[in-house]
Protein backbone atom coordinates (compact mmCIF):
# COMPACT_ATOMS: atom_id res chain seq x y z
CA MET A 1 81.46 -75.80 -186.22
CA ILE A 2 81.37 -75.08 -190.04
CA PRO A 3 79.35 -78.48 -191.50
CA LYS A 4 81.60 -80.41 -194.73
CA ARG A 5 78.84 -79.59 -196.92
CA GLN A 6 79.05 -75.85 -196.21
CA LEU A 7 82.62 -76.14 -196.92
CA PHE A 8 82.88 -78.09 -200.11
CA LEU A 9 79.94 -76.03 -201.39
CA LEU A 10 82.27 -72.77 -200.61
CA ILE A 11 85.49 -74.64 -202.46
CA PHE A 12 83.10 -76.45 -205.48
CA LEU A 13 80.57 -73.50 -206.40
CA PRO A 14 83.45 -70.96 -206.80
CA SER A 15 85.85 -73.53 -209.10
CA VAL A 16 82.54 -74.87 -210.89
CA LEU A 17 81.44 -70.71 -211.42
CA VAL A 18 84.99 -69.98 -213.13
CA LEU A 19 84.68 -72.98 -215.22
CA LEU A 20 81.17 -71.46 -216.58
CA VAL A 21 82.82 -68.13 -217.01
CA GLY A 22 85.57 -69.37 -219.20
CA LEU A 23 82.87 -71.76 -221.10
CA ALA A 24 80.78 -68.36 -222.00
CA LEU A 25 84.31 -66.64 -222.69
CA VAL A 26 85.59 -69.22 -225.15
CA GLN A 27 82.00 -69.89 -226.71
CA ASP A 28 81.65 -65.97 -227.45
CA LYS A 29 85.02 -65.73 -229.17
CA ASN A 30 84.45 -68.95 -231.14
CA ARG A 31 81.28 -67.53 -232.46
CA ARG A 32 83.22 -64.18 -233.29
CA GLN A 33 86.00 -66.26 -234.96
CA SER A 34 83.38 -68.44 -237.11
CA GLU A 35 81.53 -65.17 -237.72
CA GLY A 36 84.66 -63.53 -239.10
CA GLN A 37 85.50 -66.96 -241.06
CA PHE A 38 81.83 -66.65 -242.56
CA GLU A 39 82.29 -63.23 -243.76
CA ASP A 40 85.66 -64.08 -245.50
CA LEU A 41 83.78 -66.88 -247.23
CA LEU A 42 81.09 -64.53 -248.82
CA LYS A 43 83.87 -62.08 -249.93
CA THR A 44 85.16 -64.77 -251.81
CA SER A 45 82.16 -66.02 -253.14
CA TRP A 46 81.30 -62.68 -253.73
CA SER A 47 84.69 -62.57 -256.28
CA LEU A 48 83.66 -65.67 -257.72
CA ALA A 49 80.15 -64.20 -258.29
CA LEU A 50 81.73 -61.42 -260.18
CA LEU A 51 83.51 -63.46 -262.41
CA VAL A 52 80.23 -65.54 -263.72
CA TYR A 53 78.39 -62.22 -263.83
CA ASP A 54 81.47 -60.60 -265.84
CA GLN A 55 81.28 -63.98 -268.23
CA GLY A 56 77.62 -63.05 -268.94
CA LEU A 57 76.76 -66.00 -267.24
CA MET A 58 73.47 -63.99 -265.73
CA ASN A 59 72.11 -62.54 -269.00
CA SER A 60 69.82 -65.20 -270.87
CA PRO A 61 67.61 -67.68 -269.16
CA GLU A 62 69.75 -70.20 -270.21
CA THR A 63 72.85 -68.90 -268.18
CA GLN A 64 70.61 -68.04 -265.32
CA GLU A 65 69.81 -71.62 -264.53
CA LYS A 66 73.50 -72.53 -265.19
CA ALA A 67 74.32 -70.30 -262.40
CA ARG A 68 71.33 -71.06 -260.06
CA ALA A 69 72.82 -74.80 -260.11
CA MET A 70 76.23 -74.11 -259.52
CA THR A 71 74.95 -71.62 -256.71
CA LYS A 72 73.03 -74.57 -255.44
CA ASP A 73 75.75 -76.48 -255.34
CA LEU A 74 77.86 -74.20 -253.36
CA GLY A 75 75.10 -73.11 -251.05
CA PHE A 76 74.95 -69.81 -251.51
CA ARG A 77 72.71 -67.02 -253.23
CA LEU A 78 73.27 -64.49 -255.80
CA THR A 79 70.68 -61.92 -256.55
CA LEU A 80 71.48 -58.73 -259.05
CA ILE A 81 69.77 -55.73 -258.46
CA THR A 82 69.86 -52.54 -260.34
CA ASP A 83 70.15 -48.91 -258.85
CA ASP A 84 66.66 -48.03 -258.65
CA GLY A 85 66.37 -51.53 -256.35
CA GLN A 86 64.37 -54.02 -259.10
CA VAL A 87 65.77 -57.64 -258.89
CA THR A 88 67.04 -58.73 -262.14
CA PHE A 89 68.38 -62.12 -261.17
CA ASP A 90 67.84 -64.23 -257.83
CA SER A 91 69.56 -67.93 -257.83
CA GLU A 92 67.10 -68.73 -255.35
CA VAL A 93 63.88 -67.13 -256.73
CA ASN A 94 62.36 -67.83 -260.37
CA GLY A 95 60.11 -64.38 -261.13
CA SER A 96 59.57 -61.29 -259.62
CA LEU A 97 60.72 -59.98 -256.41
CA ASP A 98 59.84 -56.68 -254.22
CA SER A 99 61.67 -53.79 -254.77
CA HIS A 100 64.90 -54.44 -252.69
CA LYS A 101 65.83 -50.30 -252.04
CA ASP A 102 65.11 -50.32 -248.66
CA ARG A 103 67.33 -53.37 -247.77
CA PRO A 104 70.65 -52.08 -245.43
CA GLU A 105 73.33 -53.85 -247.40
CA PHE A 106 71.76 -52.19 -250.95
CA LYS A 107 71.79 -49.07 -249.47
CA ALA A 108 75.56 -49.48 -248.06
CA ALA A 109 76.89 -50.65 -251.42
CA LEU A 110 75.23 -47.61 -253.25
CA LEU A 111 77.16 -45.53 -251.19
CA GLY A 112 80.54 -47.63 -251.55
CA ALA A 113 80.67 -49.03 -248.17
CA PRO A 114 79.49 -52.38 -248.20
CA ILE A 115 78.79 -53.87 -244.81
CA PHE A 116 77.76 -57.16 -243.56
CA VAL A 117 73.87 -57.70 -242.63
CA THR A 118 72.89 -60.69 -240.46
CA ARG A 119 68.87 -60.76 -240.70
CA LEU A 120 65.91 -62.71 -241.69
CA SER A 121 64.84 -62.49 -245.77
CA GLU A 122 61.63 -61.60 -246.35
CA THR A 123 61.37 -63.23 -249.69
CA THR A 124 62.47 -66.60 -248.53
CA GLY A 125 61.95 -66.61 -244.64
CA LYS A 126 65.49 -67.88 -243.62
CA ASN A 127 68.09 -66.27 -241.89
CA TYR A 128 70.91 -65.37 -243.96
CA MET A 129 74.14 -63.49 -243.89
CA TYR A 130 74.11 -60.65 -246.56
CA TYR A 131 77.65 -59.09 -248.72
CA ALA A 132 77.04 -56.48 -251.72
CA GLN A 133 78.98 -54.61 -253.64
CA ARG A 134 78.34 -52.73 -257.01
CA ALA A 135 79.40 -54.66 -260.11
CA ALA A 136 79.20 -52.45 -262.99
CA PRO A 137 77.36 -49.23 -263.68
CA ARG A 138 74.03 -49.39 -262.46
CA VAL A 139 74.27 -53.02 -261.07
CA ILE A 140 74.47 -54.06 -257.35
CA LEU A 141 75.75 -57.84 -256.90
CA ARG A 142 74.68 -59.27 -253.99
CA VAL A 143 75.77 -62.22 -252.45
CA SER A 144 74.23 -64.33 -249.25
CA GLY A 145 74.62 -67.57 -247.35
CA PRO A 146 72.09 -68.84 -245.02
CA LEU A 147 73.13 -69.40 -241.24
CA THR A 148 72.22 -72.83 -240.77
CA TYR A 149 75.96 -74.21 -240.95
CA PHE A 150 77.26 -71.22 -239.17
CA ASP A 151 74.77 -71.92 -236.51
CA ASN A 152 75.40 -75.90 -236.50
CA GLU A 153 79.40 -74.84 -236.13
CA VAL A 154 78.80 -72.78 -233.03
CA SER A 155 76.19 -75.37 -231.51
CA ALA A 156 78.80 -78.30 -232.00
CA PHE A 157 81.18 -76.36 -230.66
CA PHE A 158 79.41 -75.39 -227.39
CA ARG A 159 78.42 -79.18 -226.85
CA GLN A 160 82.37 -80.32 -227.12
CA ALA A 161 82.98 -77.57 -224.38
CA PHE A 162 80.07 -78.19 -222.48
CA PHE A 163 80.71 -81.74 -222.08
CA GLY A 164 84.20 -81.17 -221.57
CA VAL A 165 83.28 -78.71 -218.27
CA LEU A 166 80.91 -81.35 -217.24
CA GLY A 167 84.11 -83.40 -216.82
CA LEU A 168 85.85 -80.86 -215.17
CA SER A 169 83.24 -80.26 -212.83
CA ALA A 170 83.32 -83.74 -212.03
CA LEU A 171 87.11 -83.43 -211.03
CA VAL A 172 86.34 -80.23 -209.14
CA ALA A 173 83.79 -81.98 -207.00
CA LEU A 174 86.14 -84.93 -206.03
CA PHE A 175 89.11 -82.38 -205.45
CA SER A 176 86.35 -80.36 -203.15
CA PHE A 177 84.88 -83.10 -201.15
CA TRP A 178 88.25 -84.73 -200.42
CA VAL A 179 89.66 -81.11 -199.12
CA SER A 180 86.31 -80.03 -197.08
CA ARG A 181 86.57 -83.36 -195.64
CA GLY A 182 90.16 -82.61 -194.17
CA ILE A 183 89.45 -79.24 -193.48
CA ALA A 184 86.11 -80.00 -191.26
CA LYS A 185 87.86 -82.71 -189.25
CA VAL A 186 90.87 -80.15 -188.34
CA TYR A 187 87.90 -77.77 -187.67
CA GLN A 188 85.79 -80.28 -185.55
CA ASP A 189 89.17 -81.42 -183.47
CA LEU A 190 89.93 -77.52 -182.70
CA SER A 191 86.58 -76.51 -181.91
CA LEU A 192 86.18 -79.84 -179.31
CA ALA A 193 89.36 -78.70 -177.60
CA VAL A 194 88.48 -75.26 -177.32
CA ALA A 195 84.88 -76.23 -176.18
CA ALA A 196 86.41 -78.61 -173.46
CA ALA A 197 88.97 -75.67 -172.48
CA LYS A 198 85.91 -73.16 -172.33
CA GLY A 199 83.73 -75.43 -170.11
CA GLY A 200 86.79 -75.83 -167.53
CA GLU A 201 87.42 -79.62 -168.06
CA ASP A 202 90.75 -80.84 -166.72
CA GLN A 203 91.29 -83.11 -169.48
CA LEU A 204 92.42 -81.58 -172.80
CA PRO A 205 93.17 -82.98 -176.39
CA THR A 206 96.54 -82.28 -176.98
CA PHE A 207 98.16 -80.97 -180.20
CA LYS A 208 101.21 -80.91 -182.49
CA ASN A 209 101.50 -77.09 -181.73
CA PRO A 210 102.89 -76.09 -178.30
CA GLN A 211 101.76 -72.55 -178.06
CA LEU A 212 98.10 -73.86 -178.82
CA ASP A 213 98.21 -76.04 -175.73
CA GLU A 214 99.38 -73.66 -173.48
CA ALA A 215 96.79 -71.40 -175.00
CA LEU A 216 94.07 -74.24 -174.25
CA TYR A 217 95.07 -74.70 -170.79
CA SER A 218 94.89 -71.15 -170.10
CA LEU A 219 91.41 -70.74 -171.34
CA SER A 220 90.56 -73.87 -169.20
CA LEU A 221 92.23 -72.64 -166.22
CA ALA A 222 90.56 -69.16 -166.60
CA THR A 223 87.06 -70.54 -167.34
CA ARG A 224 87.36 -72.77 -163.90
CA GLU A 225 88.04 -69.70 -162.01
CA LEU A 226 85.32 -67.54 -163.58
CA LYS A 227 82.43 -70.62 -163.63
CA GLY A 228 82.11 -70.03 -159.64
CA ASN A 229 81.18 -66.44 -160.08
CA LYS A 230 78.83 -67.27 -163.36
CA GLU A 231 75.77 -68.78 -161.92
CA GLU A 232 75.85 -66.22 -159.09
CA ILE A 233 76.02 -63.25 -161.25
CA GLU A 234 73.41 -65.26 -163.96
CA SER A 235 70.96 -65.43 -160.74
CA LEU A 236 71.10 -61.92 -159.97
CA ASN A 237 70.68 -60.90 -163.26
CA ALA A 238 67.51 -62.71 -163.48
CA ARG A 239 66.11 -61.65 -160.21
CA LEU A 240 66.71 -58.10 -161.75
CA GLU A 241 65.03 -58.69 -164.98
CA TYR A 242 62.12 -60.68 -163.20
CA ILE A 243 61.77 -57.48 -160.85
CA LEU A 244 62.08 -54.58 -163.80
CA SER A 245 59.50 -56.71 -166.31
CA ARG A 246 56.58 -56.87 -163.29
CA ILE A 247 57.08 -53.47 -162.09
CA ASN A 248 54.36 -50.97 -163.47
CA GLU A 249 57.20 -48.35 -163.89
CA GLY A 250 58.92 -47.85 -167.07
CA VAL A 251 62.62 -48.29 -166.86
CA ILE A 252 65.48 -47.14 -169.77
CA PHE A 253 69.12 -47.12 -169.15
CA LEU A 254 71.18 -44.78 -171.55
CA ASP A 255 74.68 -44.35 -172.07
CA GLY A 256 74.87 -41.46 -174.73
CA GLN A 257 73.12 -42.44 -177.83
CA LYS A 258 73.48 -46.37 -176.79
CA ILE A 259 70.09 -47.47 -174.66
CA LEU A 260 71.72 -49.99 -172.62
CA TYR A 261 68.45 -51.60 -171.35
CA ARG A 262 64.59 -50.90 -171.29
CA ASN A 263 62.15 -52.91 -170.11
CA ARG A 264 58.28 -53.67 -171.51
CA ARG A 265 56.16 -50.94 -169.62
CA ALA A 266 58.74 -48.41 -171.00
CA GLU A 267 57.47 -49.83 -174.44
CA GLU A 268 53.96 -50.19 -173.34
CA ILE A 269 54.35 -46.25 -171.99
CA LEU A 270 55.97 -44.97 -174.75
CA ASN A 271 53.54 -46.78 -177.22
CA CYS A 272 56.33 -47.86 -179.34
CA PRO A 273 59.58 -50.49 -179.96
CA ILE A 274 62.32 -49.13 -178.39
CA PRO A 275 65.82 -49.80 -179.97
CA ASP A 276 69.04 -49.73 -179.22
CA SER A 277 70.19 -46.63 -180.07
CA THR A 278 68.57 -43.48 -180.24
CA ALA A 279 69.98 -42.77 -183.67
CA LYS A 280 67.53 -45.66 -184.87
CA ILE A 281 64.42 -43.92 -183.25
CA ASP A 282 62.32 -42.06 -186.44
CA LYS A 283 59.26 -40.91 -184.65
CA LYS A 284 59.42 -37.17 -183.71
CA GLU A 285 56.99 -37.81 -180.27
CA ILE A 286 59.70 -40.11 -178.80
CA LEU A 287 62.83 -38.23 -179.80
CA SER A 288 61.20 -35.58 -178.23
CA VAL A 289 60.35 -37.36 -175.34
CA PHE A 290 64.31 -38.33 -174.82
CA ALA A 291 64.97 -34.79 -175.45
CA SER A 292 62.96 -33.76 -172.75
CA VAL A 293 64.51 -36.40 -170.46
CA LYS A 294 67.94 -35.41 -170.92
CA ASN A 295 67.30 -31.79 -170.65
CA PRO A 296 64.10 -31.79 -168.32
CA GLN A 297 62.62 -28.32 -168.21
CA PHE A 298 59.76 -30.01 -166.04
CA ASN A 299 59.22 -33.39 -164.35
CA HIS A 300 56.10 -34.66 -166.59
CA ILE A 301 55.48 -34.85 -170.84
CA LYS A 302 52.47 -36.04 -172.85
CA ILE A 303 52.38 -38.57 -174.94
CA GLY A 304 50.04 -38.85 -177.12
CA GLU A 305 46.60 -38.97 -174.59
CA ARG A 306 49.12 -40.13 -171.90
CA VAL A 307 50.60 -37.79 -168.83
CA VAL A 308 53.42 -39.34 -167.75
CA PHE A 309 55.92 -38.09 -164.88
CA PHE A 310 59.72 -39.26 -164.78
CA ASP A 311 62.72 -39.38 -162.40
CA HIS A 312 66.19 -39.32 -163.42
CA THR A 313 69.43 -40.12 -162.46
CA ARG A 314 72.73 -38.90 -164.24
CA GLU A 315 76.50 -39.66 -164.03
CA ASP A 316 78.44 -38.49 -167.26
CA ASP A 317 76.73 -39.62 -169.98
CA ARG A 318 74.88 -42.56 -168.38
CA LEU A 319 71.44 -41.99 -167.81
CA LEU A 320 68.64 -44.04 -165.89
CA VAL A 321 65.34 -42.96 -166.72
CA ILE A 322 61.75 -44.13 -164.99
CA PHE A 323 58.26 -43.42 -165.96
CA HIS A 324 55.45 -43.33 -164.27
CA ASP A 325 52.16 -43.24 -165.76
CA GLN A 326 49.93 -41.12 -164.57
CA THR A 327 47.23 -40.77 -166.99
CA GLU A 328 44.59 -43.02 -165.43
CA LYS A 329 45.40 -40.75 -162.22
CA GLU A 330 45.15 -37.80 -164.32
CA LYS A 331 41.73 -38.63 -165.61
CA TYR A 332 40.44 -39.53 -162.48
CA SER A 333 41.28 -36.53 -160.82
CA THR A 334 39.37 -34.39 -164.08
CA PHE A 335 36.39 -36.83 -163.96
CA LYS A 336 35.96 -36.15 -160.03
CA SER A 337 35.93 -32.68 -160.71
CA ASP A 338 33.81 -32.78 -163.56
CA LEU A 339 31.28 -34.83 -161.63
CA VAL A 340 30.98 -32.81 -158.81
CA GLY A 341 30.92 -29.64 -161.15
CA ASN A 342 28.10 -31.85 -163.14
CA ILE A 343 26.35 -32.93 -160.09
CA SER A 344 26.14 -29.33 -158.52
CA HIS A 345 24.92 -27.75 -161.84
CA GLU A 346 22.07 -30.36 -161.86
CA LEU A 347 21.02 -30.19 -158.34
CA LYS A 348 20.97 -26.38 -158.25
CA THR A 349 18.45 -25.93 -160.68
CA PRO A 350 15.37 -27.54 -159.21
CA LEU A 351 17.02 -27.20 -155.45
CA ALA A 352 16.80 -23.35 -156.39
CA LEU A 353 13.20 -23.66 -157.50
CA VAL A 354 12.13 -25.73 -154.52
CA LEU A 355 13.75 -23.12 -151.99
CA GLY A 356 12.31 -20.26 -153.96
CA ALA A 357 8.33 -21.88 -154.22
CA ALA A 358 8.97 -22.58 -150.26
CA GLU A 359 10.07 -18.94 -149.46
CA VAL A 360 7.13 -17.58 -151.33
CA ILE A 361 4.93 -20.03 -149.73
CA LEU A 362 6.15 -19.10 -146.12
CA LYS A 363 6.31 -15.55 -146.62
CA ASP A 364 2.69 -15.13 -147.95
CA LYS A 365 0.28 -16.71 -145.45
CA ALA A 366 -2.96 -15.43 -147.16
CA MET A 367 -1.82 -16.85 -150.94
CA PRO A 368 -4.96 -17.73 -152.71
CA ARG A 369 -5.56 -21.61 -152.87
CA SER A 370 -4.92 -21.77 -156.66
CA TYR A 371 -1.38 -19.90 -156.45
CA LEU A 372 -0.74 -22.16 -153.68
CA GLU A 373 -1.24 -25.19 -155.55
CA LYS A 374 0.91 -23.83 -158.39
CA PHE A 375 3.74 -23.14 -156.02
CA LEU A 376 3.37 -27.26 -154.33
CA GLY A 377 2.83 -28.48 -157.86
CA THR A 378 6.94 -26.27 -158.73
CA LEU A 379 8.13 -28.13 -155.10
CA TYR A 380 6.68 -31.67 -156.07
CA ARG A 381 7.91 -31.55 -159.78
CA ASN A 382 11.49 -30.66 -158.91
CA ALA A 383 11.41 -32.97 -155.62
CA GLN A 384 10.60 -35.86 -158.33
CA ARG A 385 13.24 -34.28 -160.00
CA LEU A 386 16.08 -34.23 -157.50
CA ASN A 387 14.67 -37.81 -156.45
CA SER A 388 15.27 -39.27 -159.88
CA LEU A 389 18.84 -37.67 -160.40
CA LEU A 390 19.99 -39.31 -157.08
CA ASP A 391 17.91 -42.69 -158.00
CA ASP A 392 20.00 -42.73 -161.19
CA LEU A 393 23.76 -41.68 -159.60
CA ILE A 394 22.40 -44.49 -157.35
CA LEU A 395 22.09 -46.88 -160.13
CA LEU A 396 25.17 -45.83 -162.02
CA HIS A 397 27.42 -46.41 -159.18
CA GLN A 398 26.36 -49.67 -158.47
CA LEU A 399 26.53 -50.26 -161.92
CA GLU A 400 30.23 -49.11 -161.79
CA SER A 401 31.32 -50.42 -158.44
CA ARG A 402 29.66 -53.73 -158.29
CA PRO A 403 28.88 -54.86 -161.75
CA GLU A 404 26.71 -58.10 -162.18
CA ALA A 405 24.82 -59.66 -165.22
CA LEU A 406 21.98 -61.47 -163.63
CA ALA A 407 20.66 -64.35 -165.33
CA GLU A 408 16.97 -64.28 -163.93
CA GLU A 409 14.09 -65.83 -165.40
CA SER A 410 12.01 -62.42 -166.79
CA ASP A 411 8.62 -62.44 -169.21
CA LEU A 412 9.22 -59.93 -171.69
CA GLY A 413 5.64 -59.55 -172.15
CA GLU A 414 4.92 -58.34 -168.83
CA ILE A 415 8.15 -56.17 -168.68
CA LEU A 416 6.88 -54.25 -171.89
CA LYS A 417 3.34 -53.97 -170.53
CA GLU A 418 5.22 -52.29 -167.10
CA ILE A 419 6.99 -49.74 -169.42
CA LYS A 420 4.26 -49.05 -171.78
CA GLU A 421 2.22 -48.01 -168.38
CA MET A 422 5.20 -45.99 -167.03
CA VAL A 423 5.80 -44.40 -170.65
CA GLU A 424 3.51 -40.96 -171.22
CA PRO A 425 4.09 -40.39 -175.04
CA GLY A 426 1.79 -36.88 -174.80
CA ASP A 427 1.57 -35.74 -178.71
CA LYS A 428 4.01 -38.52 -179.90
CA GLU A 429 3.11 -41.33 -182.17
CA LEU A 430 4.39 -44.28 -179.96
CA THR A 431 4.63 -47.59 -181.75
CA TRP A 432 5.81 -51.07 -180.27
CA GLU A 433 7.18 -53.98 -182.16
CA ALA A 434 7.99 -56.55 -179.82
CA ASP A 435 8.54 -60.09 -179.16
CA GLU A 436 7.05 -61.97 -175.87
CA GLY A 437 8.59 -65.14 -174.10
CA ILE A 438 11.08 -65.75 -171.46
CA VAL A 439 14.18 -64.13 -171.23
CA PHE A 440 17.34 -64.68 -168.95
CA PHE A 441 18.27 -61.11 -168.07
CA HIS A 442 17.74 -58.86 -164.86
CA SER A 443 13.89 -57.41 -165.08
CA ALA A 444 15.40 -53.93 -163.74
CA HIS A 445 18.11 -53.99 -166.57
CA ILE A 446 15.85 -54.42 -169.37
CA ILE A 447 13.34 -51.72 -168.11
CA SER A 448 16.28 -49.15 -167.19
CA VAL A 449 17.29 -49.62 -170.74
CA LEU A 450 14.02 -49.20 -172.49
CA THR A 451 12.43 -46.32 -170.09
CA ASN A 452 15.84 -44.35 -170.82
CA LEU A 453 16.12 -44.97 -174.28
CA VAL A 454 12.12 -44.12 -174.92
CA ASN A 455 12.31 -40.89 -172.08
CA ASN A 456 15.32 -39.87 -174.54
CA ALA A 457 13.45 -40.13 -177.92
CA LEU A 458 10.08 -38.35 -176.06
CA LYS A 459 12.40 -35.53 -174.90
CA TYR A 460 14.30 -34.46 -177.95
CA SER A 461 12.97 -35.79 -180.63
CA LYS A 462 11.25 -32.84 -182.84
CA GLY A 463 9.16 -35.60 -185.19
CA PRO A 464 5.98 -36.84 -184.66
CA LYS A 465 6.55 -40.31 -184.95
CA ILE A 466 8.95 -42.84 -182.31
CA GLN A 467 9.38 -46.46 -183.16
CA VAL A 468 10.43 -49.36 -180.41
CA GLU A 469 11.69 -52.93 -181.47
CA VAL A 470 12.56 -55.61 -179.13
CA ARG A 471 13.63 -58.87 -180.37
CA ARG A 472 14.79 -62.08 -179.34
CA LYS A 473 17.45 -64.34 -181.13
CA ASP A 474 19.02 -67.34 -179.40
CA HIS A 475 20.78 -65.95 -176.50
CA PHE A 476 20.61 -62.35 -177.73
CA LEU A 477 18.24 -59.11 -177.03
CA GLU A 478 18.06 -56.62 -180.07
CA ILE A 479 16.48 -53.29 -178.71
CA ALA A 480 16.28 -50.55 -181.46
CA VAL A 481 14.41 -47.10 -180.52
CA ALA A 482 13.92 -44.82 -183.71
CA ASP A 483 12.76 -41.26 -183.83
CA SER A 484 12.70 -38.98 -186.43
CA GLY A 485 15.07 -36.09 -185.56
CA PRO A 486 16.88 -34.11 -185.47
CA VAL A 487 19.72 -36.17 -186.41
CA ILE A 488 22.65 -36.27 -183.97
CA PRO A 489 25.95 -34.87 -185.90
CA GLU A 490 28.72 -37.97 -186.37
CA GLY A 491 31.21 -36.59 -183.86
CA GLU A 492 29.13 -35.96 -180.85
CA ARG A 493 27.46 -40.02 -181.10
CA GLU A 494 30.30 -41.39 -179.19
CA ARG A 495 30.15 -38.45 -176.64
CA ILE A 496 26.16 -38.53 -175.38
CA PHE A 497 26.47 -41.47 -173.76
CA GLU A 498 28.90 -39.85 -171.15
CA ARG A 499 27.57 -38.48 -167.91
CA PHE A 500 25.99 -34.95 -167.83
CA TYR A 501 27.09 -34.91 -171.65
CA SER A 502 24.22 -32.61 -173.40
CA LEU A 503 24.17 -31.69 -177.00
CA SER A 504 23.74 -28.17 -178.36
CA ARG A 505 21.32 -25.77 -176.74
CA SER A 506 18.44 -25.91 -179.53
CA ARG A 507 18.17 -29.52 -179.01
CA CYS A 508 18.10 -29.30 -175.51
CA ARG A 509 15.85 -26.14 -175.11
CA ASP A 510 12.99 -26.28 -172.48
CA ARG A 511 14.20 -30.32 -171.66
CA SER A 512 14.37 -31.47 -168.32
CA GLY A 513 16.64 -34.55 -167.11
CA SER A 514 19.36 -36.26 -164.92
CA GLY A 515 21.59 -36.52 -167.68
CA LEU A 516 22.86 -40.06 -166.97
CA GLY A 517 20.33 -41.89 -169.01
CA LEU A 518 22.37 -43.00 -171.70
CA ALA A 519 25.00 -43.48 -169.42
CA ILE A 520 23.47 -46.33 -167.83
CA VAL A 521 22.27 -47.62 -171.22
CA LYS A 522 25.84 -47.95 -172.23
CA HIS A 523 27.17 -49.55 -168.81
CA ILE A 524 24.04 -52.04 -169.02
CA ALA A 525 25.03 -52.91 -172.56
CA ARG A 526 28.66 -53.77 -171.01
CA LEU A 527 27.44 -55.63 -168.19
CA TYR A 528 25.73 -58.38 -170.60
CA HIS A 529 28.86 -58.14 -173.19
CA GLY A 530 26.90 -56.16 -175.51
CA GLN A 531 27.43 -53.11 -177.72
CA VAL A 532 25.58 -49.82 -178.42
CA LYS A 533 25.28 -47.84 -181.38
CA ILE A 534 23.46 -44.46 -183.39
CA SER A 535 22.86 -44.81 -186.56
CA ASP A 536 20.74 -42.57 -188.78
CA ASN A 537 17.11 -44.04 -190.31
CA ASP A 538 14.44 -43.53 -192.92
CA LEU A 539 12.07 -41.19 -190.74
CA GLY A 540 14.90 -38.69 -191.09
CA GLY A 541 16.19 -39.13 -187.27
CA ASN A 542 18.27 -41.32 -185.07
CA THR A 543 18.13 -45.29 -184.22
CA PHE A 544 19.69 -46.43 -180.95
CA TRP A 545 20.46 -49.88 -181.28
CA VAL A 546 21.35 -52.26 -178.18
CA LEU A 547 22.90 -55.83 -178.10
CA LEU A 548 22.48 -58.01 -174.82
CA THR A 549 24.03 -61.51 -174.23
CA SER A 550 22.45 -63.86 -172.14
CA PRO A 551 24.31 -64.47 -169.15
CA THR A 552 23.39 -68.30 -169.87
CA ALA A 553 25.75 -67.77 -172.87
CA PHE A 554 28.90 -66.33 -171.01
């Protein structure tokens, strides 16, 4: 329904706009007429001034004073200028003036083509209209008049015309109000009648037009017939929409280039909003997806990092596509293969050493004691390595499958004392800066983080110094382990927290470990809503920094 205010503005504003345009045109015409009259007046004044000049009234100081008095009464200014631009007489300025050879009206008079020039006088600082012609050999007579009178005339006419427009605008406003009220009333009655007919009501308002009454009745009858099916259709649509919005598959229904339907999951899988037409898609990757779906050679596609399988059903130009996001499944399959391969690789070396040492001992019954102890040491060390790998695998599995952040009361001083007894720094200078007191973390988790970080620094750092810092801050525990190099490349700082990931051979040569230590640190940090990161330090190496949040703050 159109409000009366909109109807009023629809009539009033164009009318007022027409009045304002008319005012501007009339004002412009009046200004041009006034300017023409002013130019005619200047020409007449120049002719009178020429008579005064011809009678010699500007040759002596006495006659010049009479000429000044006369031009002052008439309101015009007279100036005599020689061909070289020197001013010999000016009715408003008594004294020497600058050369006028650069004045445009003077140049035009020298050429015999006089013009009217409107500008600011450099001598008096007032706005004038100038007109100049040759009055005698080597003498230019110039007449100028101030624009004050001209501007006043134009302003007075504008005021009169403006108030006239205001009056007409008031009349237009009254007329617009009367017309808009009548139209709004008719439109309102008609809208109510149409609404009643669309609602299927039996009692309809009547109009003087029989065709209109018949059309309203037919609309009401059709509405009543359709109303019974409408609720059922809406209910079915609502249930279908609910199902399609909750399933884990993406659904897109196309008719040619027009996209008739797409659910929220489809936009998530394609990682972009889907418009109502494929012609509006400007993302090349998504366009290639639709091209692959319409002319499939395979039943799967890659969208960024996602692996997506799809099924489709076509009927003429209509195409129904169902997308299945298999990214996690593919990642799990890849991870499972990598994990089995990595575990096999990590088990193979120590197991081969154990078998080799055992075989030598079994075959050589008379082996000297010194050799026997050497092979038994190999057996023991590699058995420990296998046991450490299995312990780390079990711990990592527990952290992933049954994560639980325990807010048990632990003595930080006792924990650090135990770790110092476990760690063997060898030829490294290991320094500790640690707070003491009670913290609310699972002590085994803190021990695991610290031992893995410190052992990692001892194994891989080639520098002489390792610094450990443990700080308590409210509900947080900060752990930082700094080594003296070499620096881990920026591109590998995230990957070293993956299972069994190792850096270049030069960093890992002659180093043994399960390859799970940093992965365990990362999982414990996540368990306590914390974070882990690596940065450069002043020792020329890396600082592993871990932040843990106490479960009491969750």
